[in-house]
Amino acid sequence: MKKPEILVETQDVRVRIMTLESGQATAWHYHTEIKDSMFCLDGPVAVEYRNPDERIELVNGQHCDVAVKRVHRVVNLTTQEARYLLVQGIGRYDFNVKEE
C-alpha cells in the first residue's frame, strides 16, 4: 500500500486518501471508538465485513460506512491502482488487526 495522503488529522478526526495496488487489501481490522466512511475515488473497491460476512462493492462516487467495532477490510478489485477517501471519527484512532 502506498503511503496515505493526509488531508486532515486531529485528535478526533482523520481524513486520508488511500491507494491500494492491484489486488491488494488492507488487513482485517476494527476500531474501538471511530467509524470509517469510505468514498471510492478510482475503483472499484470492495469493503468486506465479518460477523456477519458481507461485501459491498463501490465504484467511483459511491460510499459506505463501517460501524464501530465491526471487523472489515478494503480490497482493490482492479488490475490497476485503486484510491478511496477515508474519513474516520469522531474519537480516538486505533487499528486493531484481526487474524483471518
C-alpha atoms as a PDB file:
ATOM      1  CA  MET A   1       0.000   0.000   0.000  1.00  0.00           C
ATOM      2  CA  LYS A   2       1.288   3.444  -0.830  1.00  0.00           C
ATOM      3  CA  LYS A   3       1.758   5.983   1.940  1.00  0.00           C
ATOM      4  CA  PRO A   4      -1.623   7.663   2.617  1.00  0.00           C
ATOM      5  CA  GLU A   5      -2.135  11.274   1.604  1.00  0.00           C
ATOM      6  CA  ILE A   6      -3.183  13.029   4.820  1.00  0.00           C
ATOM      7  CA  LEU A   7      -5.786  15.768   4.290  1.00  0.00           C
ATOM      8  CA  VAL A   8      -6.871  16.329   7.919  1.00  0.00           C
ATOM      9  CA  GLU A   9      -5.578  14.824  11.135  1.00  0.00           C
ATOM     10  CA  THR A  10      -6.712  15.960  14.568  1.00  0.00           C
ATOM     11  CA  GLN A  11      -7.111  14.189  17.889  1.00  0.00           C
ATOM     12  CA  ASP A  12     -10.661  13.110  16.925  1.00  0.00           C
ATOM     13  CA  VAL A  13     -10.828  13.077  13.096  1.00  0.00           C
ATOM     14  CA  ARG A  14      -8.666  11.708  10.272  1.00  0.00           C
ATOM     15  CA  VAL A  15      -9.209  12.224   6.547  1.00  0.00           C
ATOM     16  CA  ARG A  16      -6.849  10.496   4.123  1.00  0.00           C
ATOM     17  CA  ILE A  17      -6.642   9.345   0.521  1.00  0.00           C
ATOM     18  CA  MET A  18      -5.660   5.688   0.473  1.00  0.00           C
ATOM     19  CA  THR A  19      -4.093   3.926  -2.527  1.00  0.00           C
ATOM     20  CA  LEU A  20      -4.089   0.155  -2.979  1.00  0.00           C
ATOM     21  CA  GLU A  21      -2.007  -1.615  -5.633  1.00  0.00           C
ATOM     22  CA  SER A  22      -3.609  -4.156  -7.980  1.00  0.00           C
ATOM     23  CA  GLY A  23      -5.227  -6.969  -5.966  1.00  0.00           C
ATOM     24  CA  GLN A  24      -4.036  -5.512  -2.661  1.00  0.00           C
ATOM     25  CA  ALA A  25      -6.151  -5.401   0.508  1.00  0.00           C
ATOM     26  CA  THR A  26      -5.875  -3.858   3.943  1.00  0.00           C
ATOM     27  CA  ALA A  27      -5.547  -6.180   6.911  1.00  0.00           C
ATOM     28  CA  TRP A  28      -8.720  -7.374   8.595  1.00  0.00           C
ATOM     29  CA  HIS A  29      -9.191  -4.895  11.437  1.00  0.00           C
ATOM     30  CA  TYR A  30     -11.588  -2.922  13.607  1.00  0.00           C
ATOM     31  CA  HIS A  31     -11.679   0.344  15.560  1.00  0.00           C
ATOM     32  CA  THR A  32     -12.953   0.642  19.135  1.00  0.00           C
ATOM     33  CA  GLU A  33     -14.183   4.277  19.034  1.00  0.00           C
ATOM     34  CA  ILE A  34     -14.395   5.523  15.454  1.00  0.00           C
ATOM     35  CA  LYS A  35     -16.409   4.651  12.393  1.00  0.00           C
ATOM     36  CA  ASP A  36     -14.886   4.527   8.915  1.00  0.00           C
ATOM     37  CA  SER A  37     -16.503   6.164   5.907  1.00  0.00           C
ATOM     38  CA  MET A  38     -15.059   5.105   2.553  1.00  0.00           C
ATOM     39  CA  PHE A  39     -15.653   7.088  -0.650  1.00  0.00           C
ATOM     40  CA  CYS A  40     -14.440   5.397  -3.845  1.00  0.00           C
ATOM     41  CA  LEU A  41     -12.348   7.759  -5.978  1.00  0.00           C
ATOM     42  CA  ASP A  42     -10.774   5.369  -8.530  1.00  0.00           C
ATOM     43  CA  GLY A  43     -12.119   1.874  -8.282  1.00  0.00           C
ATOM     44  CA  PRO A  44     -13.826  -0.422  -7.995  1.00  0.00           C
ATOM     45  CA  VAL A  45     -13.018  -1.425  -4.417  1.00  0.00           C
ATOM     46  CA  ALA A  46     -14.810  -3.789  -2.077  1.00  0.00           C
ATOM     47  CA  VAL A  47     -15.429  -3.293   1.622  1.00  0.00           C
ATOM     48  CA  GLU A  48     -15.660  -6.713   3.221  1.00  0.00           C
ATOM     49  CA  TYR A  49     -17.117  -7.354   6.672  1.00  0.00           C
ATOM     50  CA  ARG A  50     -17.064 -10.161   9.206  1.00  0.00           C
ATOM     51  CA  ASN A  51     -19.753 -11.291  11.671  1.00  0.00           C
ATOM     52  CA  PRO A  52     -21.878 -11.404   9.646  1.00  0.00           C
ATOM     53  CA  ASP A  53     -19.911 -11.810   6.415  1.00  0.00           C
ATOM     54  CA  GLU A  54     -20.854  -9.170   3.887  1.00  0.00           C
ATOM     55  CA  ARG A  55     -19.272  -7.475   0.873  1.00  0.00           C
ATOM     56  CA  ILE A  56     -20.101  -4.090  -0.614  1.00  0.00           C
ATOM     57  CA  GLU A  57     -18.560  -3.180  -3.961  1.00  0.00           C
ATOM     58  CA  LEU A  58     -18.041   0.518  -4.610  1.00  0.00           C
ATOM     59  CA  VAL A  59     -17.431   2.279  -7.899  1.00  0.00           C
ATOM     60  CA  ASN A  60     -16.326   5.863  -8.344  1.00  0.00           C
ATOM     61  CA  GLY A  61     -18.558   8.222  -6.358  1.00  0.00           C
ATOM     62  CA  GLN A  62     -20.132   5.586  -4.115  1.00  0.00           C
ATOM     63  CA  HIS A  63     -19.527   5.306  -0.380  1.00  0.00           C
ATOM     64  CA  CYS A  64     -20.258   3.188   2.671  1.00  0.00           C
ATOM     65  CA  ASP A  65     -19.803   3.352   6.429  1.00  0.00           C
ATOM     66  CA  VAL A  66     -18.294   0.819   8.799  1.00  0.00           C
ATOM     67  CA  ALA A  67     -19.697   0.803  12.318  1.00  0.00           C
ATOM     68  CA  VAL A  68     -17.516   0.983  15.404  1.00  0.00           C
ATOM     69  CA  LYS A  69     -16.041  -2.441  16.357  1.00  0.00           C
ATOM     70  CA  ARG A  70     -17.076  -4.076  13.032  1.00  0.00           C
ATOM     71  CA  VAL A  71     -14.267  -6.195  11.568  1.00  0.00           C
ATOM     72  CA  HIS A  72     -13.571  -5.156   7.973  1.00  0.00           C
ATOM     73  CA  ARG A  73     -11.041  -4.658   5.205  1.00  0.00           C
ATOM     74  CA  VAL A  74     -10.841  -2.834   1.860  1.00  0.00           C
ATOM     75  CA  VAL A  75      -9.877  -4.720  -1.324  1.00  0.00           C
ATOM     76  CA  ASN A  76      -8.741  -3.382  -4.703  1.00  0.00           C
ATOM     77  CA  LEU A  77     -10.790  -5.177  -7.365  1.00  0.00           C
ATOM     78  CA  THR A  78      -8.865  -3.798 -10.354  1.00  0.00           C
ATOM     79  CA  THR A  79      -5.645  -4.611 -12.197  1.00  0.00           C
ATOM     80  CA  GLN A  80      -4.518  -1.030 -11.578  1.00  0.00           C
ATOM     81  CA  GLU A  81      -4.213   1.229  -8.548  1.00  0.00           C
ATOM     82  CA  ALA A  82      -7.430   1.984  -6.697  1.00  0.00           C
ATOM     83  CA  ARG A  83      -7.970   5.022  -4.479  1.00  0.00           C
ATOM     84  CA  TYR A  84     -10.529   5.850  -1.822  1.00  0.00           C
ATOM     85  CA  LEU A  85     -11.134   8.724   0.559  1.00  0.00           C
ATOM     86  CA  LEU A  86     -11.172   7.506   4.158  1.00  0.00           C
ATOM     87  CA  VAL A  87     -12.913   9.624   6.808  1.00  0.00           C
ATOM     88  CA  GLN A  88     -12.502   8.394  10.400  1.00  0.00           C
ATOM     89  CA  GLY A  89     -14.013   9.827  13.561  1.00  0.00           C
ATOM     90  CA  ILE A  90     -15.171  11.047  15.893  1.00  0.00           C
ATOM     91  CA  GLY A  91     -12.929   9.724  18.647  1.00  0.00           C
ATOM     92  CA  ARG A  92      -9.540   8.227  19.427  1.00  0.00           C
ATOM     93  CA  TYR A  93      -7.968   6.402  16.458  1.00  0.00           C
ATOM     94  CA  ASP A  94      -6.814   2.817  16.822  1.00  0.00           C
ATOM     95  CA  PHE A  95      -6.183  -0.017  14.353  1.00  0.00           C
ATOM     96  CA  ASN A  96      -6.762  -3.471  15.792  1.00  0.00           C
ATOM     97  CA  VAL A  97      -5.648  -6.275  13.480  1.00  0.00           C
ATOM     98  CA  LYS A  98      -7.919  -9.318  13.462  1.00  0.00           C
ATOM     99  CA  GLU A  99      -6.378 -12.565  12.247  1.00  0.00           C
ATOM    100  CA  GLU A 100      -8.062 -14.147   9.238  1.00  0.00           C
END
